Amino acid sequence: MAASVSNLRHPFVYSPPEQSQFYSRVHYSKDYDVSDVHEILNTLPSNVSISAQSPFVPHLVLRDHIYQFPIISNAQYIVLSPDESSYPMGREAFDHCLDTLDASFFWEPVTDRSYIKVYRRR
């Protein structure tokens, strides 16, 4: 148990401590309106496939097709947050993806709050 806690406090690869330290209060707190995010996620149709950033996947899991972004495959919606970790992408690549989606003819923004962005395939 001590070895596990030690590895969580000092991981071998860099990740923000709040991501791996599940026993810490910081791990569960967000700097945005979580209830608003839940409302937005609840408006997504249950019969469509979705590609979502890892923090949102558990809230969307009861559907036939869910992908962890950056895998898009045949997803009809993409759910992202600039305020969350960009894992498994680097921040620069993630920001480039957001810019590309904003300018894309193939994706239209459904929600564009500063803390959550939802895109629908045209």
C-alpha atoms as a PDB file:
ATOM      1  CA  MET A   1       0.000   0.000   0.000  1.00  0.00           C
ATOM      2  CA  ALA A   2       2.852   2.388   0.808  1.00  0.00           C
ATOM      3  CA  ALA A   3       4.428   1.722  -2.594  1.00  0.00           C
ATOM      4  CA  SER A   4       1.137   2.522  -4.341  1.00  0.00           C
ATOM      5  CA  VAL A   5       0.705   5.792  -2.481  1.00  0.00           C
ATOM      6  CA  SER A   6       4.329   6.710  -3.173  1.00  0.00           C
ATOM      7  CA  ASN A   7       3.858   6.070  -6.894  1.00  0.00           C
ATOM      8  CA  LEU A   8       0.684   8.152  -6.928  1.00  0.00           C
ATOM      9  CA  ARG A   9       2.481  11.058  -5.265  1.00  0.00           C
ATOM     10  CA  HIS A  10       5.572  10.833  -7.469  1.00  0.00           C
ATOM     11  CA  PRO A  11       4.689   9.203 -10.821  1.00  0.00           C
ATOM     12  CA  PHE A  12       7.431   8.212 -13.241  1.00  0.00           C
ATOM     13  CA  VAL A  13       5.804  10.132 -16.103  1.00  0.00           C
ATOM     14  CA  TYR A  14       4.579  13.677 -15.726  1.00  0.00           C
ATOM     15  CA  SER A  15       0.926  14.137 -15.024  1.00  0.00           C
ATOM     16  CA  PRO A  16      -0.732  16.716 -12.817  1.00  0.00           C
ATOM     17  CA  PRO A  17      -1.036  15.270  -9.284  1.00  0.00           C
ATOM     18  CA  GLU A  18      -4.793  15.878  -9.171  1.00  0.00           C
ATOM     19  CA  GLN A  19      -5.278  13.353 -11.975  1.00  0.00           C
ATOM     20  CA  SER A  20      -3.797  10.382 -10.165  1.00  0.00           C
ATOM     21  CA  GLN A  21      -4.346  11.222  -6.499  1.00  0.00           C
ATOM     22  CA  PHE A  22      -7.917   9.927  -6.254  1.00  0.00           C
ATOM     23  CA  TYR A  23      -7.783  10.188  -2.452  1.00  0.00           C
ATOM     24  CA  SER A  24      -7.352  13.982  -2.656  1.00  0.00           C
ATOM     25  CA  ARG A  25     -10.240  16.467  -2.649  1.00  0.00           C
ATOM     26  CA  VAL A  26      -8.639  18.330  -5.576  1.00  0.00           C
ATOM     27  CA  HIS A  27      -9.111  15.214  -7.746  1.00  0.00           C
ATOM     28  CA  TYR A  28     -12.901  15.666  -7.551  1.00  0.00           C
ATOM     29  CA  SER A  29     -13.245  19.454  -7.798  1.00  0.00           C
ATOM     30  CA  LYS A  30     -13.754  21.369 -11.040  1.00  0.00           C
ATOM     31  CA  ASP A  31     -13.403  25.058 -11.861  1.00  0.00           C
ATOM     32  CA  TYR A  32     -16.561  25.048 -13.966  1.00  0.00           C
ATOM     33  CA  ASP A  33     -20.297  24.490 -13.517  1.00  0.00           C
ATOM     34  CA  VAL A  34     -20.564  20.696 -13.311  1.00  0.00           C
ATOM     35  CA  SER A  35     -24.369  20.715 -13.178  1.00  0.00           C
ATOM     36  CA  ASP A  36     -24.466  22.659 -16.450  1.00  0.00           C
ATOM     37  CA  VAL A  37     -22.147  20.096 -18.038  1.00  0.00           C
ATOM     38  CA  HIS A  38     -24.444  17.278 -16.856  1.00  0.00           C
ATOM     39  CA  GLU A  39     -27.442  19.068 -18.384  1.00  0.00           C
ATOM     40  CA  ILE A  40     -25.607  19.418 -21.693  1.00  0.00           C
ATOM     41  CA  LEU A  41     -24.575  15.760 -21.693  1.00  0.00           C
ATOM     42  CA  ASN A  42     -28.171  14.734 -20.934  1.00  0.00           C
ATOM     43  CA  THR A  43     -29.400  16.578 -24.051  1.00  0.00           C
ATOM     44  CA  LEU A  44     -27.321  14.336 -26.340  1.00  0.00           C
ATOM     45  CA  PRO A  45     -29.463  11.674 -28.021  1.00  0.00           C
ATOM     46  CA  SER A  46     -28.960   8.229 -26.483  1.00  0.00           C
ATOM     47  CA  ASN A  47     -28.908   6.411 -29.829  1.00  0.00           C
ATOM     48  CA  VAL A  48     -25.944   8.249 -31.384  1.00  0.00           C
ATOM     49  CA  SER A  49     -22.243   7.500 -31.249  1.00  0.00           C
ATOM     50  CA  ILE A  50     -20.052   9.982 -29.409  1.00  0.00           C
ATOM     51  CA  SER A  51     -16.354  10.745 -29.177  1.00  0.00           C
ATOM     52  CA  ALA A  52     -15.583  12.356 -25.832  1.00  0.00           C
ATOM     53  CA  GLN A  53     -12.670  13.481 -23.765  1.00  0.00           C
ATOM     54  CA  SER A  54     -11.885  11.002 -20.971  1.00  0.00           C
ATOM     55  CA  PRO A  55     -13.613  12.901 -18.085  1.00  0.00           C
ATOM     56  CA  PHE A  56     -16.940  12.726 -19.960  1.00  0.00           C
ATOM     57  CA  VAL A  57     -16.811   9.111 -21.130  1.00  0.00           C
ATOM     58  CA  PRO A  58     -18.149   7.589 -17.868  1.00  0.00           C
ATOM     59  CA  HIS A  59     -21.198   9.863 -18.091  1.00  0.00           C
ATOM     60  CA  LEU A  60     -21.947   8.754 -21.650  1.00  0.00           C
ATOM     61  CA  VAL A  61     -21.077   5.079 -21.422  1.00  0.00           C
ATOM     62  CA  LEU A  62     -24.589   3.603 -21.655  1.00  0.00           C
ATOM     63  CA  ARG A  63     -24.768   3.695 -25.429  1.00  0.00           C
ATOM     64  CA  ASP A  64     -23.744   1.366 -28.246  1.00  0.00           C
ATOM     65  CA  HIS A  65     -20.769   3.405 -29.480  1.00  0.00           C
ATOM     66  CA  ILE A  66     -18.570   5.650 -27.364  1.00  0.00           C
ATOM     67  CA  TYR A  67     -15.009   6.608 -28.282  1.00  0.00           C
ATOM     68  CA  GLN A  68     -12.346   8.328 -26.251  1.00  0.00           C
ATOM     69  CA  PHE A  69     -11.158  11.406 -28.109  1.00  0.00           C
ATOM     70  CA  PRO A  70      -9.027  11.700 -30.288  1.00  0.00           C
ATOM     71  CA  ILE A  71     -10.636   8.561 -31.766  1.00  0.00           C
ATOM     72  CA  ILE A  72     -13.622   9.819 -33.732  1.00  0.00           C
ATOM     73  CA  SER A  73     -14.462   6.894 -36.053  1.00  0.00           C
ATOM     74  CA  ASN A  74     -18.176   7.152 -36.923  1.00  0.00           C
ATOM     75  CA  ALA A  75     -19.095   9.457 -34.027  1.00  0.00           C
ATOM     76  CA  GLN A  76     -21.923  11.864 -34.664  1.00  0.00           C
ATOM     77  CA  TYR A  77     -21.007  14.108 -31.728  1.00  0.00           C
ATOM     78  CA  ILE A  78     -17.715  15.204 -30.153  1.00  0.00           C
ATOM     79  CA  VAL A  79     -17.571  16.433 -26.537  1.00  0.00           C
ATOM     80  CA  LEU A  80     -14.457  18.324 -25.401  1.00  0.00           C
ATOM     81  CA  SER A  81     -13.337  20.700 -22.680  1.00  0.00           C
ATOM     82  CA  PRO A  82     -10.383  23.089 -22.874  1.00  0.00           C
ATOM     83  CA  ASP A  83     -10.370  23.087 -19.050  1.00  0.00           C
ATOM     84  CA  GLU A  84      -9.673  19.354 -18.776  1.00  0.00           C
ATOM     85  CA  SER A  85      -6.470  17.419 -19.382  1.00  0.00           C
ATOM     86  CA  SER A  86      -5.680  16.930 -23.059  1.00  0.00           C
ATOM     87  CA  TYR A  87      -4.494  13.338 -22.451  1.00  0.00           C
ATOM     88  CA  PRO A  88      -3.573  11.349 -24.527  1.00  0.00           C
ATOM     89  CA  MET A  89      -2.691  14.326 -26.731  1.00  0.00           C
ATOM     90  CA  GLY A  90      -0.324  17.130 -25.897  1.00  0.00           C
ATOM     91  CA  ARG A  91      -1.922  20.503 -25.177  1.00  0.00           C
ATOM     92  CA  GLU A  92      -0.686  22.057 -28.425  1.00  0.00           C
ATOM     93  CA  ALA A  93      -2.145  19.221 -30.541  1.00  0.00           C
ATOM     94  CA  PHE A  94      -5.411  19.352 -28.588  1.00  0.00           C
ATOM     95  CA  ASP A  95      -5.750  23.116 -29.087  1.00  0.00           C
ATOM     96  CA  HIS A  96      -5.061  22.602 -32.798  1.00  0.00           C
ATOM     97  CA  CYS A  97      -7.899  20.033 -32.920  1.00  0.00           C
ATOM     98  CA  LEU A  98     -10.264  22.541 -31.287  1.00  0.00           C
ATOM     99  CA  ASP A  99      -9.307  25.187 -33.850  1.00  0.00           C
ATOM    100  CA  THR A 100      -9.763  22.680 -36.676  1.00  0.00           C
ATOM    101  CA  LEU A 101     -13.210  21.635 -35.415  1.00  0.00           C
ATOM    102  CA  ASP A 102     -14.255  25.288 -35.047  1.00  0.00           C
ATOM    103  CA  ALA A 103     -13.287  25.969 -38.677  1.00  0.00           C
ATOM    104  CA  SER A 104     -14.525  22.664 -40.113  1.00  0.00           C
ATOM    105  CA  PHE A 105     -17.353  22.442 -42.604  1.00  0.00           C
ATOM    106  CA  PHE A 106     -17.995  18.855 -41.469  1.00  0.00           C
ATOM    107  CA  TRP A 107     -18.663  19.678 -37.800  1.00  0.00           C
ATOM    108  CA  GLU A 108     -21.010  22.307 -36.387  1.00  0.00           C
ATOM    109  CA  PRO A 109     -20.855  23.630 -32.837  1.00  0.00           C
ATOM    110  CA  VAL A 110     -23.867  22.713 -30.710  1.00  0.00           C
ATOM    111  CA  THR A 111     -22.576  24.142 -27.434  1.00  0.00           C
ATOM    112  CA  ASP A 112     -19.744  26.590 -27.172  1.00  0.00           C
ATOM    113  CA  ARG A 113     -19.239  27.486 -23.563  1.00  0.00           C
ATOM    114  CA  SER A 114     -15.737  28.252 -22.368  1.00  0.00           C
ATOM    115  CA  TYR A 115     -15.576  24.983 -20.397  1.00  0.00           C
ATOM    116  CA  ILE A 116     -17.369  22.531 -22.723  1.00  0.00           C
ATOM    117  CA  LYS A 117     -17.648  22.296 -26.475  1.00  0.00           C
ATOM    118  CA  VAL A 118     -20.035  19.944 -28.271  1.00  0.00           C
ATOM    119  CA  TYR A 119     -19.846  19.427 -32.020  1.00  0.00           C
ATOM    120  CA  ARG A 120     -22.334  17.599 -34.270  1.00  0.00           C
ATOM    121  CA  ARG A 121     -21.424  15.993 -37.571  1.00  0.00           C
ATOM    122  CA  ARG A 122     -23.126  17.811 -40.462  1.00  0.00           C
END
